[in-house]
Amino acid sequence: MAVTAAGVFRRTPGERADQRLAWNRADQPFFAAGACHILAWVCRDTYPDRPIGLAGLRFAGQRQVVHVYATWADWAFDHAGWNPEAYRTRLTARGARGRAGPAVVGAGPASRRF
């Protein structure tokens, strides 16, 4: 599977206004933008014997988390599968369209307390 920044799959205004439209997207767009948090929690719940954490990305000066993914050591799992976490955040920063790069919040095994 190609590693693509989640922002590429942002929901359209029509998809934001009509949940049915958003839910009927293909798997990668659905889990990249709109249901990434569900995929991250399912990943963590699938491996209860491993220290799977949860991380969120938000942009500098913003409160809203724009992407959530599962973490394990230096790896991140999201709509694009398992990839080095540093690569995942760089890819998201490049896809930010001129906004300040993302900050990782809640990363690592300690985030199991969520």
N, C-alpha and C. Protein backbone atom coordinates (compact mmCIF):
# COMPACT_ATOMS: atom_id res chain seq x y z
N MET A 1 0.84 -1.18 0.00
CA MET A 1 0.00 0.00 0.00
C MET A 1 0.89 1.24 0.00
N ALA A 2 0.55 2.18 -0.84
CA ALA A 2 1.32 3.43 -0.91
C ALA A 2 1.16 4.22 0.38
N VAL A 3 2.26 4.80 0.81
CA VAL A 3 2.21 5.64 2.00
C VAL A 3 1.84 7.05 1.55
N THR A 4 0.66 7.47 1.92
CA THR A 4 0.11 8.75 1.51
C THR A 4 -0.30 9.52 2.75
N ALA A 5 -0.03 10.81 2.77
CA ALA A 5 -0.45 11.65 3.90
C ALA A 5 -1.96 11.60 4.04
N ALA A 6 -2.43 11.51 5.27
CA ALA A 6 -3.86 11.43 5.52
C ALA A 6 -4.61 12.63 4.96
N GLY A 7 -3.96 13.79 4.94
CA GLY A 7 -4.61 15.01 4.46
C GLY A 7 -5.04 14.94 3.01
N VAL A 8 -4.41 14.05 2.24
CA VAL A 8 -4.80 13.87 0.84
C VAL A 8 -6.25 13.40 0.75
N PHE A 9 -6.68 12.68 1.80
CA PHE A 9 -8.01 12.08 1.81
C PHE A 9 -9.04 12.91 2.60
N ARG A 10 -8.75 14.19 2.82
CA ARG A 10 -9.69 15.03 3.57
C ARG A 10 -11.10 14.89 3.00
N ARG A 11 -12.05 14.92 3.91
CA ARG A 11 -13.45 14.84 3.46
C ARG A 11 -13.84 16.11 2.73
N THR A 12 -14.66 15.95 1.71
CA THR A 12 -15.17 17.10 0.96
C THR A 12 -16.25 17.78 1.78
N PRO A 13 -16.63 18.99 1.44
CA PRO A 13 -17.75 19.62 2.15
C PRO A 13 -19.02 18.76 2.10
N GLY A 14 -19.25 18.11 0.98
CA GLY A 14 -20.42 17.23 0.87
C GLY A 14 -20.34 16.05 1.81
N GLU A 15 -19.13 15.46 1.96
CA GLU A 15 -18.94 14.34 2.88
C GLU A 15 -19.05 14.79 4.33
N ARG A 16 -18.65 16.01 4.61
CA ARG A 16 -18.80 16.53 5.98
C ARG A 16 -20.27 16.77 6.32
N ALA A 17 -21.03 17.16 5.32
CA ALA A 17 -22.45 17.44 5.54
C ALA A 17 -23.31 16.18 5.55
N ASP A 18 -22.85 15.11 4.92
CA ASP A 18 -23.64 13.89 4.80
C ASP A 18 -22.79 12.70 5.24
N GLN A 19 -23.02 12.22 6.46
CA GLN A 19 -22.22 11.12 7.00
C GLN A 19 -22.30 9.88 6.13
N ARG A 20 -23.44 9.65 5.51
CA ARG A 20 -23.58 8.47 4.66
C ARG A 20 -22.57 8.52 3.50
N LEU A 21 -22.40 9.70 2.92
CA LEU A 21 -21.40 9.87 1.86
C LEU A 21 -19.99 9.57 2.40
N ALA A 22 -19.70 10.09 3.57
CA ALA A 22 -18.38 9.88 4.18
C ALA A 22 -18.15 8.40 4.48
N TRP A 23 -19.16 7.72 4.98
CA TRP A 23 -19.01 6.31 5.34
C TRP A 23 -18.90 5.41 4.11
N ASN A 24 -19.36 5.85 2.97
CA ASN A 24 -19.33 5.03 1.76
C ASN A 24 -18.03 5.18 0.96
N ARG A 25 -17.06 5.88 1.51
CA ARG A 25 -15.77 6.00 0.82
C ARG A 25 -15.02 4.66 0.87
N ALA A 26 -14.03 4.50 0.00
CA ALA A 26 -13.17 3.31 0.03
C ALA A 26 -12.44 3.26 1.38
N ASP A 27 -11.90 2.10 1.72
CA ASP A 27 -11.28 1.91 3.04
C ASP A 27 -10.16 2.90 3.35
N GLN A 28 -9.21 3.09 2.44
CA GLN A 28 -8.09 3.97 2.76
C GLN A 28 -8.54 5.40 3.03
N PRO A 29 -9.35 6.02 2.18
CA PRO A 29 -9.82 7.37 2.51
C PRO A 29 -10.64 7.41 3.80
N PHE A 30 -11.46 6.40 4.02
CA PHE A 30 -12.31 6.35 5.22
C PHE A 30 -11.46 6.33 6.49
N PHE A 31 -10.43 5.45 6.51
CA PHE A 31 -9.60 5.34 7.70
C PHE A 31 -8.50 6.38 7.77
N ALA A 32 -8.24 7.09 6.70
CA ALA A 32 -7.25 8.16 6.72
C ALA A 32 -7.83 9.45 7.28
N ALA A 33 -9.05 9.74 6.91
CA ALA A 33 -9.67 11.02 7.28
C ALA A 33 -11.12 10.80 7.68
N GLY A 34 -11.33 10.74 8.95
CA GLY A 34 -12.69 10.58 9.45
C GLY A 34 -12.84 9.44 10.43
N ALA A 35 -12.06 8.37 10.24
CA ALA A 35 -12.17 7.22 11.15
C ALA A 35 -10.80 6.71 11.58
N CYS A 36 -9.78 7.55 11.48
CA CYS A 36 -8.43 7.14 11.86
C CYS A 36 -8.36 6.72 13.33
N HIS A 37 -9.13 7.40 14.17
CA HIS A 37 -9.12 7.07 15.60
C HIS A 37 -9.67 5.67 15.84
N ILE A 38 -10.65 5.24 15.07
CA ILE A 38 -11.22 3.90 15.22
C ILE A 38 -10.17 2.86 14.85
N LEU A 39 -9.48 3.06 13.74
CA LEU A 39 -8.44 2.14 13.31
C LEU A 39 -7.34 2.03 14.36
N ALA A 40 -6.95 3.14 14.94
CA ALA A 40 -5.89 3.13 15.97
C ALA A 40 -6.33 2.35 17.20
N TRP A 41 -7.54 2.55 17.67
CA TRP A 41 -8.04 1.82 18.84
C TRP A 41 -8.17 0.33 18.54
N VAL A 42 -8.65 -0.04 17.36
CA VAL A 42 -8.78 -1.45 17.00
C VAL A 42 -7.40 -2.10 16.95
N CYS A 43 -6.42 -1.41 16.40
CA CYS A 43 -5.06 -1.93 16.38
C CYS A 43 -4.58 -2.20 17.80
N ARG A 44 -4.78 -1.25 18.67
CA ARG A 44 -4.33 -1.41 20.05
C ARG A 44 -5.06 -2.56 20.75
N ASP A 45 -6.36 -2.66 20.52
CA ASP A 45 -7.15 -3.73 21.15
C ASP A 45 -6.83 -5.11 20.58
N THR A 46 -6.35 -5.15 19.34
CA THR A 46 -6.00 -6.42 18.70
C THR A 46 -4.74 -7.04 19.30
N TYR A 47 -3.87 -6.23 19.85
CA TYR A 47 -2.60 -6.69 20.43
C TYR A 47 -2.51 -6.29 21.90
N PRO A 48 -3.37 -6.84 22.76
CA PRO A 48 -3.36 -6.40 24.16
C PRO A 48 -2.09 -6.77 24.91
N ASP A 49 -1.31 -7.72 24.37
CA ASP A 49 -0.08 -8.14 25.03
C ASP A 49 1.12 -7.29 24.63
N ARG A 50 0.92 -6.32 23.76
CA ARG A 50 2.00 -5.45 23.30
C ARG A 50 1.75 -4.02 23.76
N PRO A 51 2.81 -3.26 23.96
CA PRO A 51 2.64 -1.87 24.42
C PRO A 51 2.27 -0.92 23.27
N ILE A 52 1.12 -1.16 22.68
CA ILE A 52 0.64 -0.31 21.60
C ILE A 52 0.09 0.98 22.22
N GLY A 53 0.61 2.10 21.75
CA GLY A 53 0.15 3.39 22.24
C GLY A 53 -0.73 4.07 21.19
N LEU A 54 -1.22 5.23 21.51
CA LEU A 54 -1.98 6.04 20.58
C LEU A 54 -1.33 7.40 20.49
N ALA A 55 -1.28 7.95 19.30
CA ALA A 55 -0.70 9.28 19.11
C ALA A 55 -1.63 10.09 18.23
N GLY A 56 -1.60 11.38 18.42
CA GLY A 56 -2.38 12.28 17.59
C GLY A 56 -1.49 13.38 17.05
N LEU A 57 -1.82 13.85 15.88
CA LEU A 57 -1.10 14.97 15.28
C LEU A 57 -1.99 16.19 15.29
N ARG A 58 -1.42 17.30 15.69
CA ARG A 58 -2.12 18.57 15.58
C ARG A 58 -1.11 19.61 15.12
N PHE A 59 -1.60 20.65 14.54
CA PHE A 59 -0.72 21.68 14.00
C PHE A 59 -0.43 22.73 15.06
N ALA A 60 0.73 23.35 14.94
CA ALA A 60 1.17 24.37 15.89
C ALA A 60 0.08 25.41 16.09
N GLY A 61 -0.21 25.69 17.34
CA GLY A 61 -1.20 26.70 17.68
C GLY A 61 -2.65 26.22 17.60
N GLN A 62 -2.86 24.96 17.25
CA GLN A 62 -4.22 24.42 17.12
C GLN A 62 -4.51 23.45 18.25
N ARG A 63 -5.76 23.37 18.66
CA ARG A 63 -6.16 22.41 19.69
C ARG A 63 -6.65 21.10 19.10
N GLN A 64 -7.22 21.19 17.91
CA GLN A 64 -7.83 20.01 17.29
C GLN A 64 -6.77 19.04 16.76
N VAL A 65 -6.92 17.77 17.10
CA VAL A 65 -6.07 16.72 16.56
C VAL A 65 -6.57 16.40 15.16
N VAL A 66 -5.65 16.37 14.19
CA VAL A 66 -6.05 16.16 12.80
C VAL A 66 -5.84 14.72 12.32
N HIS A 67 -5.06 13.93 13.05
CA HIS A 67 -4.85 12.54 12.66
C HIS A 67 -4.43 11.74 13.88
N VAL A 68 -4.98 10.53 14.01
CA VAL A 68 -4.67 9.64 15.13
C VAL A 68 -4.13 8.34 14.56
N TYR A 69 -3.13 7.77 15.23
CA TYR A 69 -2.57 6.50 14.78
C TYR A 69 -2.06 5.72 15.99
N ALA A 70 -1.83 4.41 15.77
CA ALA A 70 -1.29 3.55 16.81
C ALA A 70 0.24 3.59 16.73
N THR A 71 0.90 3.41 17.88
CA THR A 71 2.36 3.41 17.93
C THR A 71 2.87 2.14 18.60
N TRP A 72 4.02 1.70 18.15
CA TRP A 72 4.71 0.58 18.79
C TRP A 72 6.19 0.82 18.56
N ALA A 73 6.91 1.08 19.63
CA ALA A 73 8.33 1.46 19.57
C ALA A 73 8.44 2.69 18.66
N ASP A 74 9.20 2.60 17.58
CA ASP A 74 9.37 3.74 16.67
C ASP A 74 8.47 3.63 15.45
N TRP A 75 7.44 2.79 15.52
CA TRP A 75 6.57 2.53 14.38
C TRP A 75 5.18 3.15 14.59
N ALA A 76 4.56 3.48 13.48
CA ALA A 76 3.20 4.04 13.50
C ALA A 76 2.31 3.21 12.58
N PHE A 77 1.08 2.97 13.02
CA PHE A 77 0.11 2.23 12.20
C PHE A 77 -1.10 3.12 11.95
N ASP A 78 -1.42 3.27 10.67
CA ASP A 78 -2.63 4.00 10.28
C ASP A 78 -3.13 3.46 8.95
N HIS A 79 -3.85 4.25 8.21
CA HIS A 79 -4.44 3.82 6.94
C HIS A 79 -3.42 3.30 5.95
N ALA A 80 -2.14 3.63 6.12
CA ALA A 80 -1.08 3.22 5.20
C ALA A 80 -0.28 2.04 5.74
N GLY A 81 -0.75 1.39 6.80
CA GLY A 81 -0.04 0.26 7.38
C GLY A 81 1.02 0.71 8.38
N TRP A 82 1.99 -0.17 8.67
CA TRP A 82 3.07 0.13 9.61
C TRP A 82 4.20 0.85 8.88
N ASN A 83 4.60 1.99 9.42
CA ASN A 83 5.70 2.79 8.87
C ASN A 83 6.45 3.43 10.02
N PRO A 84 7.73 3.77 9.82
CA PRO A 84 8.45 4.49 10.89
C PRO A 84 7.69 5.76 11.27
N GLU A 85 7.53 5.98 12.57
CA GLU A 85 6.74 7.12 13.03
C GLU A 85 7.31 8.45 12.54
N ALA A 86 8.63 8.58 12.53
CA ALA A 86 9.24 9.83 12.06
C ALA A 86 8.87 10.09 10.60
N TYR A 87 8.81 9.04 9.80
CA TYR A 87 8.41 9.19 8.40
C TYR A 87 6.95 9.63 8.31
N ARG A 88 6.11 9.04 9.14
CA ARG A 88 4.68 9.38 9.15
C ARG A 88 4.49 10.87 9.46
N THR A 89 5.18 11.40 10.46
CA THR A 89 5.00 12.82 10.80
C THR A 89 5.58 13.73 9.73
N ARG A 90 6.72 13.35 9.13
CA ARG A 90 7.27 14.16 8.02
C ARG A 90 6.31 14.20 6.84
N LEU A 91 5.72 13.06 6.53
CA LEU A 91 4.78 12.99 5.41
C LEU A 91 3.56 13.87 5.69
N THR A 92 3.07 13.85 6.91
CA THR A 92 1.93 14.68 7.27
C THR A 92 2.30 16.16 7.19
N ALA A 93 3.50 16.50 7.63
CA ALA A 93 3.94 17.90 7.56
C ALA A 93 4.00 18.37 6.11
N ARG A 94 4.52 17.52 5.22
CA ARG A 94 4.59 17.89 3.81
C ARG A 94 3.19 18.08 3.21
N GLY A 95 2.23 17.33 3.68
CA GLY A 95 0.88 17.42 3.15
C GLY A 95 0.05 18.51 3.81
N ALA A 96 0.68 19.32 4.66
CA ALA A 96 -0.05 20.31 5.45
C ALA A 96 -0.43 21.56 4.67
N ARG A 97 0.00 21.68 3.43
CA ARG A 97 -0.36 22.82 2.59
C ARG A 97 0.00 24.16 3.21
N GLY A 98 1.26 24.31 3.57
CA GLY A 98 1.73 25.60 4.04
C GLY A 98 1.51 25.88 5.51
N ARG A 99 0.84 24.99 6.23
CA ARG A 99 0.64 25.21 7.67
C ARG A 99 1.90 24.79 8.41
N ALA A 100 2.05 25.28 9.62
CA ALA A 100 3.18 24.87 10.44
C ALA A 100 3.09 23.37 10.67
N GLY A 101 4.22 22.70 10.73
CA GLY A 101 4.26 21.24 10.84
C GLY A 101 3.53 20.71 12.06
N PRO A 102 3.21 19.42 12.02
CA PRO A 102 2.43 18.82 13.10
C PRO A 102 3.27 18.57 14.35
N ALA A 103 2.62 18.60 15.47
CA ALA A 103 3.22 18.21 16.74
C ALA A 103 2.57 16.90 17.14
N VAL A 104 3.36 15.95 17.63
CA VAL A 104 2.81 14.67 18.08
C VAL A 104 2.37 14.85 19.53
N VAL A 105 1.16 14.43 19.81
CA VAL A 105 0.64 14.49 21.18
C VAL A 105 0.23 13.09 21.61
N GLY A 106 0.50 12.75 22.85
CA GLY A 106 0.05 11.46 23.39
C GLY A 106 0.74 10.25 22.79
N ALA A 107 1.97 10.37 22.31
CA ALA A 107 2.65 9.25 21.67
C ALA A 107 3.27 8.31 22.69
N GLY A 108 3.45 7.08 22.29
CA GLY A 108 4.20 6.10 23.06
C GLY A 108 3.36 5.24 23.97
N PRO A 109 3.99 4.23 24.57
CA PRO A 109 3.29 3.28 25.43
C PRO A 109 2.56 3.93 26.61
N ALA A 110 3.06 5.06 27.09
CA ALA A 110 2.38 5.72 28.20
C ALA A 110 0.98 6.16 27.82
N SER A 111 0.72 6.30 26.53
CA SER A 111 -0.59 6.76 26.11
C SER A 111 -1.65 5.67 26.30
N ARG A 112 -1.26 4.50 26.77
CA ARG A 112 -2.23 3.44 27.05
C ARG A 112 -3.20 3.87 28.14
N ARG A 113 -2.89 4.95 28.83
CA ARG A 113 -3.77 5.43 29.90
C ARG A 113 -4.98 6.19 29.36
N PHE A 114 -5.07 6.42 28.05
CA PHE A 114 -6.22 7.13 27.48
C PHE A 114 -7.50 6.47 27.88
